[in-house]
Protein backbone atom coordinates (compact mmCIF):
# COMPACT_ATOMS: atom_id res chain seq x y z
CA UNK A 1 0.00 0.00 0.00
CA UNK A 2 1.22 3.46 -0.87
CA UNK A 3 1.35 5.88 2.04
CA UNK A 4 0.76 9.52 2.80
CA UNK A 5 3.70 11.17 4.54
CA UNK A 6 2.14 14.06 6.45
CA UNK A 7 1.80 16.90 5.59
CA UNK A 8 2.42 16.96 1.83
CA UNK A 9 4.33 13.95 0.51
CA UNK A 10 3.39 10.50 -0.76
CA UNK A 11 5.38 7.28 -1.10
CA UNK A 12 4.48 4.80 -3.84
CA UNK A 13 4.80 1.01 -3.47
CA UNK A 14 7.75 1.16 -5.90
CA UNK A 15 9.65 3.39 -3.42
CA UNK A 16 9.25 6.68 -5.32
CA UNK A 17 8.41 9.69 -3.13
CA UNK A 18 6.34 12.63 -4.40
CA UNK A 19 6.88 15.91 -2.55
CA UNK A 20 4.59 18.93 -2.86
CA UNK A 21 3.96 22.20 -1.04
CA UNK A 22 1.36 22.04 1.75
CA UNK A 23 -0.75 24.72 0.05
CA UNK A 24 -0.88 22.66 -3.15
CA UNK A 25 -2.21 19.64 -1.26
CA UNK A 26 -4.80 21.77 0.56
CA UNK A 27 -5.94 23.23 -2.77
CA UNK A 28 -6.23 19.77 -4.35
CA UNK A 29 -8.25 18.51 -1.39
CA UNK A 30 -10.63 21.49 -1.66
CA UNK A 31 -11.00 21.05 -5.43
CA UNK A 32 -11.79 17.35 -5.00
CA UNK A 33 -15.00 17.99 -3.04
CA UNK A 34 -17.13 17.66 -6.18
CA UNK A 35 -14.90 15.91 -8.71
CA UNK A 36 -11.81 13.75 -9.11
CA UNK A 37 -8.59 15.79 -9.26
CA UNK A 38 -5.16 14.63 -10.45
CA UNK A 39 -1.80 16.01 -9.33
CA UNK A 40 1.33 15.01 -11.25
CA UNK A 41 4.89 15.23 -10.03
CA UNK A 42 7.50 16.65 -12.37
CA UNK A 43 10.14 13.92 -12.51
CA UNK A 44 10.82 11.67 -15.50
CA UNK A 45 8.97 8.63 -14.09
CA UNK A 46 5.84 10.71 -13.52
CA UNK A 47 3.50 9.57 -10.74
CA UNK A 48 -0.05 10.92 -10.46
CA UNK A 49 -1.85 11.46 -7.16
CA UNK A 50 -5.64 11.03 -7.39
CA UNK A 51 -7.80 13.07 -5.00
CA UNK A 52 -11.47 12.32 -4.38
CA UNK A 53 -13.84 13.55 -1.64
CA UNK A 54 -11.15 15.79 -0.09
CA UNK A 55 -8.58 12.98 0.32
CA UNK A 56 -5.69 11.52 -1.67
CA UNK A 57 -6.99 8.06 -2.65
CA UNK A 58 -4.41 6.47 -4.97
CA UNK A 59 -1.17 6.89 -6.88
CA UNK A 60 -0.91 5.99 -10.55
CA UNK A 61 2.58 4.51 -10.90
CA UNK A 62 4.21 4.07 -14.33
CA UNK A 63 5.59 0.65 -13.31
CA UNK A 64 3.02 -0.79 -10.86
CA UNK A 65 -0.24 0.81 -12.01
CA UNK A 66 -2.70 1.83 -9.26
CA UNK A 67 -1.45 1.94 -5.67
CA UNK A 68 -4.04 2.65 -2.96
CA UNK A 69 -2.93 5.28 -0.40
CA UNK A 70 -3.19 4.61 3.32
CA UNK A 71 -3.32 7.70 5.50
CA UNK A 72 -1.20 8.15 8.64
CA UNK A 73 -3.89 10.15 10.46
PDB file of N, CA and C in Angstrom:
ATOM      1  N   UNK A   1       0.825  -1.180   0.000  1.00  0.00           N
ATOM      2  CA  UNK A   1       0.000   0.000   0.000  1.00  0.00           C
ATOM      3  C   UNK A   1       0.874   1.249   0.000  1.00  0.00           C
ATOM      4  N   UNK A   2       0.534   2.175  -0.860  1.00  0.00           N
ATOM      5  CA  UNK A   2       1.216   3.461  -0.871  1.00  0.00           C
ATOM      6  C   UNK A   2       0.848   4.206   0.406  1.00  0.00           C
ATOM      7  N   UNK A   3       1.668   5.177   0.797  1.00  0.00           N
ATOM      8  CA  UNK A   3       1.352   5.878   2.038  1.00  0.00           C
ATOM      9  C   UNK A   3       1.497   7.388   1.909  1.00  0.00           C
ATOM     10  N   UNK A   4       0.694   8.064   2.698  1.00  0.00           N
ATOM     11  CA  UNK A   4       0.757   9.521   2.799  1.00  0.00           C
ATOM     12  C   UNK A   4       1.775   9.850   3.882  1.00  0.00           C
ATOM     13  N   UNK A   5       2.715  10.713   3.560  1.00  0.00           N
ATOM     14  CA  UNK A   5       3.700  11.173   4.537  1.00  0.00           C
ATOM     15  C   UNK A   5       3.309  12.603   4.883  1.00  0.00           C
ATOM     16  N   UNK A   6       2.681  12.767   6.040  1.00  0.00           N
ATOM     17  CA  UNK A   6       2.139  14.062   6.449  1.00  0.00           C
ATOM     18  C   UNK A   6       3.240  15.104   6.488  1.00  0.00           C
ATOM     19  N   UNK A   7       3.057  16.310   6.009  1.00  0.00           N
ATOM     20  CA  UNK A   7       1.799  16.899   5.589  1.00  0.00           C
ATOM     21  C   UNK A   7       1.586  16.914   4.088  1.00  0.00           C
ATOM     22  N   UNK A   8       2.634  16.725   3.265  1.00  0.00           N
ATOM     23  CA  UNK A   8       2.421  16.959   1.832  1.00  0.00           C
ATOM     24  C   UNK A   8       3.260  16.076   0.916  1.00  0.00           C
ATOM     25  N   UNK A   9       3.558  14.865   1.337  1.00  0.00           N
ATOM     26  CA  UNK A   9       4.329  13.948   0.508  1.00  0.00           C
ATOM     27  C   UNK A   9       3.634  12.597   0.457  1.00  0.00           C
ATOM     28  N   UNK A  10       3.980  11.813  -0.566  1.00  0.00           N
ATOM     29  CA  UNK A  10       3.390  10.495  -0.757  1.00  0.00           C
ATOM     30  C   UNK A  10       4.483   9.538  -1.202  1.00  0.00           C
ATOM     31  N   UNK A  11       4.401   8.298  -0.734  1.00  0.00           N
ATOM     32  CA  UNK A  11       5.382   7.277  -1.102  1.00  0.00           C
ATOM     33  C   UNK A  11       4.650   6.141  -1.799  1.00  0.00           C
ATOM     34  N   UNK A  12       5.071   5.849  -3.021  1.00  0.00           N
ATOM     35  CA  UNK A  12       4.484   4.798  -3.836  1.00  0.00           C
ATOM     36  C   UNK A  12       5.030   3.431  -3.397  1.00  0.00           C
ATOM     37  N   UNK A  13       4.339   2.372  -3.759  1.00  0.00           N
ATOM     38  CA  UNK A  13       4.802   1.012  -3.469  1.00  0.00           C
ATOM     39  C   UNK A  13       6.151   0.706  -4.118  1.00  0.00           C
ATOM     40  N   UNK A  14       6.472   1.396  -5.212  1.00  0.00           N
ATOM     41  CA  UNK A  14       7.746   1.165  -5.898  1.00  0.00           C
ATOM     42  C   UNK A  14       8.908   1.877  -5.198  1.00  0.00           C
ATOM     43  N   UNK A  15       8.618   2.682  -4.167  1.00  0.00           N
ATOM     44  CA  UNK A  15       9.647   3.395  -3.420  1.00  0.00           C
ATOM     45  C   UNK A  15       9.797   4.858  -3.793  1.00  0.00           C
ATOM     46  N   UNK A  16       9.164   5.284  -4.874  1.00  0.00           N
ATOM     47  CA  UNK A  16       9.248   6.681  -5.316  1.00  0.00           C
ATOM     48  C   UNK A  16       8.484   7.580  -4.342  1.00  0.00           C
ATOM     49  N   UNK A  17       9.071   8.716  -3.997  1.00  0.00           N
ATOM     50  CA  UNK A  17       8.409   9.694  -3.132  1.00  0.00           C
ATOM     51  C   UNK A  17       8.061  10.943  -3.928  1.00  0.00           C
ATOM     52  N   UNK A  18       6.835  11.405  -3.767  1.00  0.00           N
ATOM     53  CA  UNK A  18       6.343  12.629  -4.402  1.00  0.00           C
ATOM     54  C   UNK A  18       6.235  13.692  -3.325  1.00  0.00           C
ATOM     55  N   UNK A  19       6.890  14.827  -3.528  1.00  0.00           N
ATOM     56  CA  UNK A  19       6.881  15.915  -2.550  1.00  0.00           C
ATOM     57  C   UNK A  19       6.225  17.147  -3.157  1.00  0.00           C
ATOM     58  N   UNK A  20       5.306  17.741  -2.411  1.00  0.00           N
ATOM     59  CA  UNK A  20       4.592  18.928  -2.859  1.00  0.00           C
ATOM     60  C   UNK A  20       4.550  19.952  -1.731  1.00  0.00           C
ATOM     61  N   UNK A  21       4.176  21.184  -2.061  1.00  0.00           N
ATOM     62  CA  UNK A  21       3.962  22.203  -1.045  1.00  0.00           C
ATOM     63  C   UNK A  21       2.647  21.918  -0.322  1.00  0.00           C
ATOM     64  N   UNK A  22       2.575  22.273   0.955  1.00  0.00           N
ATOM     65  CA  UNK A  22       1.362  22.040   1.745  1.00  0.00           C
ATOM     66  C   UNK A  22       0.157  22.753   1.142  1.00  0.00           C
ATOM     67  N   UNK A  23       0.357  23.972   0.652  1.00  0.00           N
ATOM     68  CA  UNK A  23      -0.749  24.723   0.050  1.00  0.00           C
ATOM     69  C   UNK A  23      -1.299  24.012  -1.184  1.00  0.00           C
ATOM     70  N   UNK A  24      -0.439  23.390  -1.960  1.00  0.00           N
ATOM     71  CA  UNK A  24      -0.876  22.658  -3.148  1.00  0.00           C
ATOM     72  C   UNK A  24      -1.780  21.499  -2.753  1.00  0.00           C
ATOM     73  N   UNK A  25      -1.395  20.768  -1.727  1.00  0.00           N
ATOM     74  CA  UNK A  25      -2.210  19.642  -1.265  1.00  0.00           C
ATOM     75  C   UNK A  25      -3.554  20.130  -0.728  1.00  0.00           C
ATOM     76  N   UNK A  26      -3.542  21.210   0.044  1.00  0.00           N
ATOM     77  CA  UNK A  26      -4.803  21.770   0.557  1.00  0.00           C
ATOM     78  C   UNK A  26      -5.731  22.186  -0.586  1.00  0.00           C
ATOM     79  N   UNK A  27      -5.141  22.818  -1.611  1.00  0.00           N
ATOM     80  CA  UNK A  27      -5.939  23.233  -2.769  1.00  0.00           C
ATOM     81  C   UNK A  27      -6.527  22.025  -3.495  1.00  0.00           C
ATOM     82  N   UNK A  28      -5.748  20.981  -3.668  1.00  0.00           N
ATOM     83  CA  UNK A  28      -6.227  19.769  -4.347  1.00  0.00           C
ATOM     84  C   UNK A  28      -7.353  19.113  -3.548  1.00  0.00           C
ATOM     85  N   UNK A  29      -7.201  19.083  -2.231  1.00  0.00           N
ATOM     86  CA  UNK A  29      -8.250  18.507  -1.387  1.00  0.00           C
ATOM     87  C   UNK A  29      -9.541  19.310  -1.508  1.00  0.00           C
ATOM     88  N   UNK A  30      -9.443  20.625  -1.512  1.00  0.00           N
ATOM     89  CA  UNK A  30     -10.628  21.487  -1.664  1.00  0.00           C
ATOM     90  C   UNK A  30     -11.286  21.281  -3.025  1.00  0.00           C
ATOM     91  N   UNK A  31     -10.473  21.222  -4.076  1.00  0.00           N
ATOM     92  CA  UNK A  31     -11.002  21.053  -5.430  1.00  0.00           C
ATOM     93  C   UNK A  31     -11.663  19.693  -5.620  1.00  0.00           C
ATOM     94  N   UNK A  32     -11.268  18.710  -4.820  1.00  0.00           N
ATOM     95  CA  UNK A  32     -11.791  17.354  -5.004  1.00  0.00           C
ATOM     96  C   UNK A  32     -13.114  17.114  -4.278  1.00  0.00           C
ATOM     97  N   UNK A  33     -13.704  18.154  -3.706  1.00  0.00           N
ATOM     98  CA  UNK A  33     -15.005  17.991  -3.042  1.00  0.00           C
ATOM     99  C   UNK A  33     -16.062  17.459  -4.001  1.00  0.00           C
ATOM    100  N   UNK A  34     -16.074  17.979  -5.223  1.00  0.00           N
ATOM    101  CA  UNK A  34     -17.133  17.664  -6.182  1.00  0.00           C
ATOM    102  C   UNK A  34     -16.685  16.842  -7.384  1.00  0.00           C
ATOM    103  N   UNK A  35     -15.383  16.647  -7.536  1.00  0.00           N
ATOM    104  CA  UNK A  35     -14.898  15.912  -8.706  1.00  0.00           C
ATOM    105  C   UNK A  35     -13.529  15.298  -8.409  1.00  0.00           C
ATOM    106  N   UNK A  36     -13.126  14.371  -9.228  1.00  0.00           N
ATOM    107  CA  UNK A  36     -11.808  13.752  -9.106  1.00  0.00           C
ATOM    108  C   UNK A  36     -10.759  14.716  -9.637  1.00  0.00           C
ATOM    109  N   UNK A  37      -9.665  14.873  -8.888  1.00  0.00           N
ATOM    110  CA  UNK A  37      -8.589  15.786  -9.264  1.00  0.00           C
ATOM    111  C   UNK A  37      -7.288  15.004  -9.308  1.00  0.00           C
ATOM    112  N   UNK A  38      -6.447  15.301 -10.300  1.00  0.00           N
ATOM    113  CA  UNK A  38      -5.163  14.629 -10.455  1.00  0.00           C
ATOM    114  C   UNK A  38      -4.020  15.620 -10.269  1.00  0.00           C
ATOM    115  N   UNK A  39      -2.993  15.186  -9.556  1.00  0.00           N
ATOM    116  CA  UNK A  39      -1.803  16.006  -9.326  1.00  0.00           C
ATOM    117  C   UNK A  39      -0.589  15.200  -9.761  1.00  0.00           C
ATOM    118  N   UNK A  40       0.158  15.724 -10.720  1.00  0.00           N
ATOM    119  CA  UNK A  40       1.327  15.011 -11.254  1.00  0.00           C
ATOM    120  C   UNK A  40       2.608  15.582 -10.664  1.00  0.00           C
ATOM    121  N   UNK A  41       3.583  14.702 -10.415  1.00  0.00           N
ATOM    122  CA  UNK A  41       4.888  15.226 -10.028  1.00  0.00           C
ATOM    123  C   UNK A  41       5.689  15.486 -11.293  1.00  0.00           C
ATOM    124  N   UNK A  42       6.807  16.166 -11.177  1.00  0.00           N
ATOM    125  CA  UNK A  42       7.501  16.654 -12.367  1.00  0.00           C
ATOM    126  C   UNK A  42       8.781  15.894 -12.698  1.00  0.00           C
ATOM    127  N   UNK A  43       8.941  14.704 -12.196  1.00  0.00           N
ATOM    128  CA  UNK A  43      10.137  13.920 -12.513  1.00  0.00           C
ATOM    129  C   UNK A  43       9.885  13.054 -13.737  1.00  0.00           C
ATOM    130  N   UNK A  44      10.943  12.451 -14.276  1.00  0.00           N
ATOM    131  CA  UNK A  44      10.823  11.666 -15.505  1.00  0.00           C
ATOM    132  C   UNK A  44       9.845  10.499 -15.379  1.00  0.00           C
ATOM    133  N   UNK A  45       9.910   9.741 -14.285  1.00  0.00           N
ATOM    134  CA  UNK A  45       8.966   8.627 -14.092  1.00  0.00           C
ATOM    135  C   UNK A  45       7.736   9.155 -13.347  1.00  0.00           C
ATOM    136  N   UNK A  46       6.944   9.928 -14.080  1.00  0.00           N
ATOM    137  CA  UNK A  46       5.841  10.706 -13.523  1.00  0.00           C
ATOM    138  C   UNK A  46       4.808   9.838 -12.793  1.00  0.00           C
ATOM    139  N   UNK A  47       4.546  10.184 -11.549  1.00  0.00           N
ATOM    140  CA  UNK A  47       3.497   9.570 -10.744  1.00  0.00           C
ATOM    141  C   UNK A  47       2.352  10.565 -10.636  1.00  0.00           C
ATOM    142  N   UNK A  48       1.131  10.062 -10.537  1.00  0.00           N
ATOM    143  CA  UNK A  48      -0.055  10.916 -10.465  1.00  0.00           C
ATOM    144  C   UNK A  48      -0.799  10.588  -9.175  1.00  0.00           C
ATOM    145  N   UNK A  49      -1.086  11.613  -8.384  1.00  0.00           N
ATOM    146  CA  UNK A  49      -1.852  11.456  -7.156  1.00  0.00           C
ATOM    147  C   UNK A  49      -3.313  11.764  -7.488  1.00  0.00           C
ATOM    148  N   UNK A  50      -4.212  10.859  -7.130  1.00  0.00           N
ATOM    149  CA  UNK A  50      -5.639  11.027  -7.387  1.00  0.00           C
ATOM    150  C   UNK A  50      -6.329  11.437  -6.088  1.00  0.00           C
ATOM    151  N   UNK A  51      -7.038  12.574  -6.137  1.00  0.00           N
ATOM    152  CA  UNK A  51      -7.799  13.072  -4.995  1.00  0.00           C
ATOM    153  C   UNK A  51      -9.288  12.908  -5.283  1.00  0.00           C
ATOM    154  N   UNK A  52     -10.030  12.466  -4.268  1.00  0.00           N
ATOM    155  CA  UNK A  52     -11.473  12.320  -4.383  1.00  0.00           C
ATOM    156  C   UNK A  52     -12.083  12.504  -3.000  1.00  0.00           C
ATOM    157  N   UNK A  53     -13.161  13.283  -2.917  1.00  0.00           N
ATOM    158  CA  UNK A  53     -13.841  13.547  -1.641  1.00  0.00           C
ATOM    159  C   UNK A  53     -12.883  14.089  -0.576  1.00  0.00           C
ATOM    160  N   UNK A  54     -12.063  15.053  -0.982  1.00  0.00           N
ATOM    161  CA  UNK A  54     -11.153  15.786  -0.089  1.00  0.00           C
ATOM    162  C   UNK A  54     -10.012  14.936   0.486  1.00  0.00           C
ATOM    163  N   UNK A  55      -9.675  13.826  -0.148  1.00  0.00           N
ATOM    164  CA  UNK A  55      -8.575  12.977   0.315  1.00  0.00           C
ATOM    165  C   UNK A  55      -7.792  12.441  -0.875  1.00  0.00           C
ATOM    166  N   UNK A  56      -6.493  12.217  -0.681  1.00  0.00           N
ATOM    167  CA  UNK A  56      -5.687  11.519  -1.670  1.00  0.00           C
ATOM    168  C   UNK A  56      -6.059  10.038  -1.574  1.00  0.00           C
ATOM    169  N   UNK A  57      -6.477   9.433  -2.674  1.00  0.00           N
ATOM    170  CA  UNK A  57      -6.992   8.062  -2.648  1.00  0.00           C
ATOM    171  C   UNK A  57      -6.029   7.036  -3.246  1.00  0.00           C
ATOM    172  N   UNK A  58      -5.310   7.425  -4.331  1.00  0.00           N
ATOM    173  CA  UNK A  58      -4.411   6.467  -4.968  1.00  0.00           C
ATOM    174  C   UNK A  58      -3.319   7.172  -5.751  1.00  0.00           C
ATOM    175  N   UNK A  59      -2.274   6.409  -6.051  1.00  0.00           N
ATOM    176  CA  UNK A  59      -1.168   6.889  -6.882  1.00  0.00           C
ATOM    177  C   UNK A  59      -1.163   6.049  -8.151  1.00  0.00           C
ATOM    178  N   UNK A  60      -1.081   6.705  -9.301  1.00  0.00           N
ATOM    179  CA  UNK A  60      -0.906   5.994 -10.553  1.00  0.00           C
ATOM    180  C   UNK A  60       0.591   5.934 -10.829  1.00  0.00           C
ATOM    181  N   UNK A  61       1.140   4.739 -10.747  1.00  0.00           N
ATOM    182  CA  UNK A  61       2.577   4.512 -10.898  1.00  0.00           C
ATOM    183  C   UNK A  61       2.856   4.013 -12.320  1.00  0.00           C
ATOM    184  N   UNK A  62       3.908   4.520 -12.976  1.00  0.00           N
ATOM    185  CA  UNK A  62       4.209   4.070 -14.332  1.00  0.00           C
ATOM    186  C   UNK A  62       4.664   2.604 -14.393  1.00  0.00           C
ATOM    187  N   UNK A  63       5.140   2.050 -13.290  1.00  0.00           N
ATOM    188  CA  UNK A  63       5.590   0.652 -13.310  1.00  0.00           C
ATOM    189  C   UNK A  63       4.600  -0.308 -12.662  1.00  0.00           C
ATOM    190  N   UNK A  64       3.900   0.120 -11.599  1.00  0.00           N
ATOM    191  CA  UNK A  64       3.015  -0.788 -10.861  1.00  0.00           C
ATOM    192  C   UNK A  64       1.530  -0.578 -11.144  1.00  0.00           C
ATOM    193  N   UNK A  65       1.171   0.512 -11.779  1.00  0.00           N
ATOM    194  CA  UNK A  65      -0.239   0.812 -12.007  1.00  0.00           C
ATOM    195  C   UNK A  65      -0.829   1.545 -10.817  1.00  0.00           C
ATOM    196  N   UNK A  66      -2.038   1.156 -10.382  1.00  0.00           N
ATOM    197  CA  UNK A  66      -2.704   1.829  -9.260  1.00  0.00           C
ATOM    198  C   UNK A  66      -2.178   1.315  -7.928  1.00  0.00           C
ATOM    199  N   UNK A  67      -1.871   2.260  -7.036  1.00  0.00           N
ATOM    200  CA  UNK A  67      -1.454   1.944  -5.671  1.00  0.00           C
ATOM    201  C   UNK A  67      -2.367   2.720  -4.724  1.00  0.00           C
ATOM    202  N   UNK A  68      -3.126   2.024  -3.895  1.00  0.00           N
ATOM    203  CA  UNK A  68      -4.042   2.650  -2.956  1.00  0.00           C
ATOM    204  C   UNK A  68      -3.240   3.310  -1.831  1.00  0.00           C
ATOM    205  N   UNK A  69      -3.648   4.524  -1.443  1.00  0.00           N
ATOM    206  CA  UNK A  69      -2.932   5.281  -0.401  1.00  0.00           C
ATOM    207  C   UNK A  69      -3.559   5.012   0.950  1.00  0.00           C
ATOM    208  N   UNK A  70      -2.722   4.698   1.930  1.00  0.00           N
ATOM    209  CA  UNK A  70      -3.186   4.611   3.316  1.00  0.00           C
ATOM    210  C   UNK A  70      -2.728   5.879   4.020  1.00  0.00           C
ATOM    211  N   UNK A  71      -3.612   6.451   4.806  1.00  0.00           N
ATOM    212  CA  UNK A  71      -3.317   7.702   5.500  1.00  0.00           C
ATOM    213  C   UNK A  71      -2.713   7.414   6.860  1.00  0.00           C
ATOM    214  N   UNK A  72      -1.824   8.308   7.334  1.00  0.00           N
ATOM    215  CA  UNK A  72      -1.196   8.150   8.635  1.00  0.00           C
ATOM    216  C   UNK A  72      -1.905   8.955   9.717  1.00  0.00           C
ATOM    217  N   UNK A  73      -3.135   9.372   9.477  1.00  0.00           N
ATOM    218  CA  UNK A  73      -3.885  10.155  10.465  1.00  0.00           C
ATOM    219  C   UNK A  73      -4.433   9.272  11.554  1.00  0.00           C
TER     220      UNK A  73
END
